[in-house]
Amino acid sequence: MHNNWRPPWGKGVIDIVGIMGSKWDIEKFTGSNDFGLWNVKIPAVLTQQKCVEALKGEAAMLASLTQAEKREMIDKAKNAIVLCLGDKVLRDVAREATAASMWAKLES
C-alpha cells in the first residue's frame, strides 16, 4: 500500500543537505512569499555548496577555475535554484541557460 501522506509543514519546503551533512529547510519561492528573505538564503546555501561564484556569471568567475569546474559550479547552482522555486516561478525562468541569468531574471 502506497502512503502519500506528507506532514503539513513540508509542503513547499525543500530540505537541502550541505557538505557537512547539515540540513536546511528552505521555503520554495512561489512569488507570493518573501523574495527578500529567499534572496538572502539561497546565496548562503550556494556558498555552503561551494558554487555561489556561479551567480556572478562565467566571465566573472575565478580565472584559476578550469572550464569543467566552472560548468560544474554553474550546473550545481542552477539545479539548487530550480529545486528552491515553486512551479509558477520556475516556469518563468526555466529557459534561462545559467544560474546567473536565472538569478538576474528572478531579481528583476
N, C-alpha and C. Protein backbone atom coordinates (compact mmCIF):
# COMPACT_ATOMS: atom_id res chain seq x y z
N MET A 1 0.84 -1.17 0.00
CA MET A 1 0.00 0.00 0.00
C MET A 1 0.89 1.24 0.00
N HIS A 2 0.64 2.16 -0.91
CA HIS A 2 1.45 3.36 -1.03
C HIS A 2 0.87 4.45 -0.14
N ASN A 3 1.72 5.07 0.63
CA ASN A 3 1.28 6.12 1.55
C ASN A 3 1.69 7.48 0.99
N ASN A 4 0.74 8.32 0.65
CA ASN A 4 1.02 9.65 0.10
C ASN A 4 0.97 10.75 1.15
N TRP A 5 0.85 10.38 2.40
CA TRP A 5 0.75 11.38 3.46
C TRP A 5 2.07 12.13 3.58
N ARG A 6 1.96 13.46 3.70
CA ARG A 6 3.12 14.30 3.96
C ARG A 6 2.75 15.23 5.10
N PRO A 7 3.72 15.53 5.95
CA PRO A 7 3.41 16.45 7.04
C PRO A 7 3.05 17.82 6.48
N PRO A 8 2.13 18.54 7.11
CA PRO A 8 1.68 19.83 6.59
C PRO A 8 2.80 20.86 6.52
N TRP A 9 3.82 20.75 7.36
CA TRP A 9 4.90 21.73 7.33
C TRP A 9 5.87 21.48 6.18
N GLY A 10 5.76 20.36 5.48
CA GLY A 10 6.69 20.02 4.41
C GLY A 10 6.27 20.55 3.05
N LYS A 11 5.02 21.00 2.92
CA LYS A 11 4.54 21.46 1.62
C LYS A 11 5.22 22.78 1.25
N GLY A 12 5.88 22.78 0.10
CA GLY A 12 6.54 23.99 -0.37
C GLY A 12 7.89 24.25 0.28
N VAL A 13 8.39 23.29 1.03
CA VAL A 13 9.68 23.43 1.69
C VAL A 13 10.60 22.36 1.15
N ILE A 14 11.84 22.75 0.85
CA ILE A 14 12.80 21.77 0.37
C ILE A 14 13.89 21.61 1.42
N ASP A 15 14.27 20.38 1.69
CA ASP A 15 15.37 20.11 2.61
C ASP A 15 16.65 20.08 1.79
N ILE A 16 17.62 20.87 2.19
CA ILE A 16 18.89 20.90 1.50
C ILE A 16 19.95 20.41 2.46
N VAL A 17 20.68 19.39 2.04
CA VAL A 17 21.73 18.84 2.88
C VAL A 17 23.06 19.37 2.36
N GLY A 18 23.80 20.02 3.24
CA GLY A 18 25.08 20.63 2.87
C GLY A 18 26.22 19.63 2.91
N ILE A 19 27.40 20.13 2.65
CA ILE A 19 28.58 19.29 2.54
C ILE A 19 28.90 18.58 3.85
N MET A 20 28.67 19.23 4.96
CA MET A 20 28.99 18.64 6.25
C MET A 20 27.81 17.84 6.82
N GLY A 21 26.82 17.58 6.00
CA GLY A 21 25.67 16.83 6.46
C GLY A 21 24.63 17.69 7.17
N SER A 22 24.89 19.00 7.23
CA SER A 22 23.90 19.90 7.83
C SER A 22 22.68 19.96 6.92
N LYS A 23 21.54 20.21 7.50
CA LYS A 23 20.31 20.24 6.73
C LYS A 23 19.60 21.56 6.95
N TRP A 24 19.15 22.18 5.84
CA TRP A 24 18.42 23.44 5.93
C TRP A 24 17.08 23.24 5.26
N ASP A 25 16.06 23.84 5.84
CA ASP A 25 14.74 23.85 5.22
C ASP A 25 14.57 25.22 4.57
N ILE A 26 14.47 25.23 3.25
CA ILE A 26 14.30 26.47 2.51
C ILE A 26 12.91 26.43 1.89
N GLU A 27 12.11 27.44 2.22
CA GLU A 27 10.79 27.54 1.62
C GLU A 27 10.94 27.88 0.15
N LYS A 28 10.24 27.16 -0.70
CA LYS A 28 10.30 27.45 -2.12
C LYS A 28 9.73 28.83 -2.39
N PHE A 29 10.37 29.56 -3.30
CA PHE A 29 9.85 30.86 -3.67
C PHE A 29 8.72 30.66 -4.67
N THR A 30 7.55 31.15 -4.30
CA THR A 30 6.35 30.94 -5.11
C THR A 30 5.86 32.21 -5.79
N GLY A 31 6.46 33.33 -5.44
CA GLY A 31 6.00 34.61 -5.97
C GLY A 31 5.10 35.33 -4.99
N SER A 32 4.54 34.60 -4.03
CA SER A 32 3.67 35.25 -3.05
C SER A 32 4.32 35.31 -1.67
N ASN A 33 5.43 34.62 -1.50
CA ASN A 33 6.15 34.71 -0.23
C ASN A 33 7.28 35.74 -0.34
N ASP A 34 8.04 35.90 0.70
CA ASP A 34 9.03 36.97 0.82
C ASP A 34 10.29 36.69 0.00
N PHE A 35 10.39 37.35 -1.17
CA PHE A 35 11.56 37.17 -2.03
C PHE A 35 12.83 37.70 -1.36
N GLY A 36 12.72 38.77 -0.61
CA GLY A 36 13.88 39.34 0.06
C GLY A 36 14.58 38.35 0.97
N LEU A 37 13.82 37.61 1.75
CA LEU A 37 14.42 36.59 2.63
C LEU A 37 14.96 35.42 1.81
N TRP A 38 14.21 35.00 0.83
CA TRP A 38 14.64 33.89 -0.03
C TRP A 38 15.95 34.28 -0.74
N ASN A 39 16.04 35.54 -1.14
CA ASN A 39 17.19 36.08 -1.85
C ASN A 39 18.44 36.12 -0.95
N VAL A 40 18.26 36.08 0.34
CA VAL A 40 19.37 36.01 1.28
C VAL A 40 19.76 34.55 1.53
N LYS A 41 18.77 33.70 1.63
CA LYS A 41 19.01 32.29 1.97
C LYS A 41 19.71 31.52 0.85
N ILE A 42 19.31 31.73 -0.39
CA ILE A 42 19.86 30.93 -1.48
C ILE A 42 21.36 31.16 -1.67
N PRO A 43 21.85 32.41 -1.70
CA PRO A 43 23.31 32.57 -1.78
C PRO A 43 24.04 31.92 -0.60
N ALA A 44 23.43 31.93 0.57
CA ALA A 44 24.05 31.27 1.72
C ALA A 44 24.17 29.77 1.48
N VAL A 45 23.12 29.17 0.94
CA VAL A 45 23.15 27.74 0.63
C VAL A 45 24.18 27.47 -0.46
N LEU A 46 24.20 28.32 -1.49
CA LEU A 46 25.16 28.13 -2.58
C LEU A 46 26.59 28.29 -2.09
N THR A 47 26.81 29.14 -1.12
CA THR A 47 28.14 29.29 -0.52
C THR A 47 28.53 27.99 0.18
N GLN A 48 27.61 27.42 0.93
CA GLN A 48 27.87 26.16 1.60
C GLN A 48 28.14 25.03 0.59
N GLN A 49 27.48 25.10 -0.55
CA GLN A 49 27.65 24.08 -1.59
C GLN A 49 28.85 24.38 -2.50
N LYS A 50 29.55 25.47 -2.20
CA LYS A 50 30.74 25.90 -2.94
C LYS A 50 30.46 26.20 -4.42
N CYS A 51 29.33 26.86 -4.66
CA CYS A 51 29.01 27.22 -6.04
C CYS A 51 28.38 28.60 -6.17
N VAL A 52 28.54 29.44 -5.16
CA VAL A 52 27.96 30.79 -5.20
C VAL A 52 28.61 31.64 -6.30
N GLU A 53 29.84 31.34 -6.69
CA GLU A 53 30.54 32.07 -7.76
C GLU A 53 29.72 32.06 -9.05
N ALA A 54 28.91 31.03 -9.24
CA ALA A 54 28.13 30.90 -10.47
C ALA A 54 27.12 32.03 -10.63
N LEU A 55 26.72 32.66 -9.53
CA LEU A 55 25.75 33.76 -9.62
C LEU A 55 26.35 34.99 -10.30
N LYS A 56 27.67 35.07 -10.36
CA LYS A 56 28.35 36.20 -11.00
C LYS A 56 28.37 36.08 -12.52
N GLY A 57 28.18 34.87 -13.01
CA GLY A 57 28.31 34.63 -14.44
C GLY A 57 29.69 34.07 -14.74
N GLU A 58 29.78 33.30 -15.78
CA GLU A 58 31.03 32.60 -16.11
C GLU A 58 32.20 33.56 -16.32
N ALA A 59 31.97 34.68 -16.96
CA ALA A 59 33.05 35.63 -17.26
C ALA A 59 33.66 36.21 -15.99
N ALA A 60 32.89 36.32 -14.92
CA ALA A 60 33.37 36.92 -13.68
C ALA A 60 33.87 35.88 -12.67
N MET A 61 33.81 34.61 -13.04
CA MET A 61 34.28 33.57 -12.13
C MET A 61 35.81 33.57 -12.08
N LEU A 62 36.35 32.99 -11.05
CA LEU A 62 37.80 32.96 -10.88
C LEU A 62 38.51 32.39 -12.10
N ALA A 63 39.55 33.07 -12.53
CA ALA A 63 40.31 32.63 -13.71
C ALA A 63 41.05 31.32 -13.45
N SER A 64 41.30 31.02 -12.18
CA SER A 64 42.03 29.79 -11.84
C SER A 64 41.18 28.53 -11.99
N LEU A 65 39.87 28.69 -12.16
CA LEU A 65 38.99 27.53 -12.35
C LEU A 65 39.09 27.03 -13.78
N THR A 66 39.08 25.72 -13.92
CA THR A 66 39.05 25.14 -15.27
C THR A 66 37.65 25.30 -15.84
N GLN A 67 37.54 25.12 -17.14
CA GLN A 67 36.23 25.21 -17.79
C GLN A 67 35.27 24.16 -17.21
N ALA A 68 35.79 22.97 -16.94
CA ALA A 68 34.97 21.90 -16.36
C ALA A 68 34.49 22.27 -14.96
N GLU A 69 35.36 22.89 -14.16
CA GLU A 69 34.97 23.31 -12.81
C GLU A 69 33.92 24.41 -12.87
N LYS A 70 34.08 25.34 -13.80
CA LYS A 70 33.08 26.40 -13.96
C LYS A 70 31.74 25.82 -14.36
N ARG A 71 31.73 24.90 -15.32
CA ARG A 71 30.49 24.29 -15.79
C ARG A 71 29.82 23.53 -14.66
N GLU A 72 30.60 22.78 -13.88
CA GLU A 72 30.04 22.03 -12.76
C GLU A 72 29.43 22.97 -11.73
N MET A 73 30.12 24.07 -11.43
CA MET A 73 29.63 25.04 -10.47
C MET A 73 28.34 25.70 -10.97
N ILE A 74 28.30 26.05 -12.24
CA ILE A 74 27.11 26.67 -12.83
C ILE A 74 25.92 25.71 -12.78
N ASP A 75 26.16 24.47 -13.17
CA ASP A 75 25.09 23.47 -13.15
C ASP A 75 24.58 23.20 -11.74
N LYS A 76 25.49 23.11 -10.80
CA LYS A 76 25.13 22.86 -9.40
C LYS A 76 24.27 24.01 -8.85
N ALA A 77 24.69 25.23 -9.13
CA ALA A 77 23.95 26.40 -8.65
C ALA A 77 22.58 26.48 -9.30
N LYS A 78 22.53 26.26 -10.61
CA LYS A 78 21.26 26.32 -11.32
C LYS A 78 20.29 25.27 -10.78
N ASN A 79 20.78 24.06 -10.56
CA ASN A 79 19.93 23.00 -10.03
C ASN A 79 19.42 23.33 -8.63
N ALA A 80 20.27 23.92 -7.80
CA ALA A 80 19.84 24.30 -6.45
C ALA A 80 18.73 25.34 -6.52
N ILE A 81 18.89 26.32 -7.41
CA ILE A 81 17.87 27.36 -7.56
C ILE A 81 16.56 26.73 -8.05
N VAL A 82 16.64 25.88 -9.06
CA VAL A 82 15.45 25.22 -9.61
C VAL A 82 14.69 24.47 -8.52
N LEU A 83 15.41 23.77 -7.68
CA LEU A 83 14.77 22.99 -6.62
C LEU A 83 14.16 23.85 -5.53
N CYS A 84 14.52 25.12 -5.49
CA CYS A 84 14.00 26.03 -4.46
C CYS A 84 12.95 26.99 -5.00
N LEU A 85 12.39 26.68 -6.16
CA LEU A 85 11.36 27.52 -6.76
C LEU A 85 10.04 26.77 -6.85
N GLY A 86 8.96 27.48 -6.63
CA GLY A 86 7.64 26.92 -6.88
C GLY A 86 7.41 26.80 -8.37
N ASP A 87 6.47 25.99 -8.78
CA ASP A 87 6.23 25.71 -10.19
C ASP A 87 5.94 26.96 -11.02
N LYS A 88 5.13 27.85 -10.51
CA LYS A 88 4.76 29.05 -11.27
C LYS A 88 6.00 29.90 -11.57
N VAL A 89 6.83 30.14 -10.57
CA VAL A 89 8.03 30.94 -10.75
C VAL A 89 9.03 30.19 -11.63
N LEU A 90 9.14 28.90 -11.44
CA LEU A 90 10.06 28.10 -12.25
C LEU A 90 9.73 28.20 -13.73
N ARG A 91 8.45 28.21 -14.05
CA ARG A 91 8.05 28.35 -15.46
C ARG A 91 8.58 29.65 -16.07
N ASP A 92 8.67 30.69 -15.26
CA ASP A 92 9.14 31.99 -15.75
C ASP A 92 10.64 32.02 -16.02
N VAL A 93 11.40 31.17 -15.36
CA VAL A 93 12.86 31.23 -15.50
C VAL A 93 13.49 29.95 -16.05
N ALA A 94 12.69 28.95 -16.32
CA ALA A 94 13.20 27.63 -16.70
C ALA A 94 14.05 27.64 -17.97
N ARG A 95 13.80 28.57 -18.86
CA ARG A 95 14.54 28.59 -20.13
C ARG A 95 15.90 29.27 -20.02
N GLU A 96 16.19 29.85 -18.89
CA GLU A 96 17.49 30.50 -18.69
C GLU A 96 18.59 29.44 -18.68
N ALA A 97 19.69 29.73 -19.34
CA ALA A 97 20.76 28.74 -19.52
C ALA A 97 21.70 28.62 -18.34
N THR A 98 21.82 29.67 -17.54
CA THR A 98 22.79 29.64 -16.44
C THR A 98 22.15 30.10 -15.14
N ALA A 99 22.85 29.80 -14.05
CA ALA A 99 22.39 30.25 -12.74
C ALA A 99 22.37 31.78 -12.69
N ALA A 100 23.37 32.42 -13.30
CA ALA A 100 23.45 33.89 -13.28
C ALA A 100 22.28 34.53 -14.02
N SER A 101 21.93 34.00 -15.18
CA SER A 101 20.81 34.59 -15.93
C SER A 101 19.49 34.28 -15.23
N MET A 102 19.39 33.13 -14.62
CA MET A 102 18.18 32.78 -13.87
C MET A 102 18.05 33.72 -12.66
N TRP A 103 19.16 33.95 -11.99
CA TRP A 103 19.18 34.82 -10.81
C TRP A 103 18.80 36.26 -11.18
N ALA A 104 19.36 36.74 -12.29
CA ALA A 104 19.07 38.10 -12.75
C ALA A 104 17.59 38.26 -13.07
N LYS A 105 17.01 37.25 -13.70
CA LYS A 105 15.59 37.32 -14.04
C LYS A 105 14.72 37.29 -12.78
N LEU A 106 15.11 36.50 -11.81
CA LEU A 106 14.37 36.45 -10.55
C LEU A 106 14.43 37.79 -9.82
N GLU A 107 15.57 38.47 -9.88
CA GLU A 107 15.72 39.74 -9.20
C GLU A 107 15.00 40.88 -9.90
N SER A 108 14.69 40.72 -11.19
CA SER A 108 14.03 41.81 -11.93
C SER A 108 12.52 41.80 -11.74
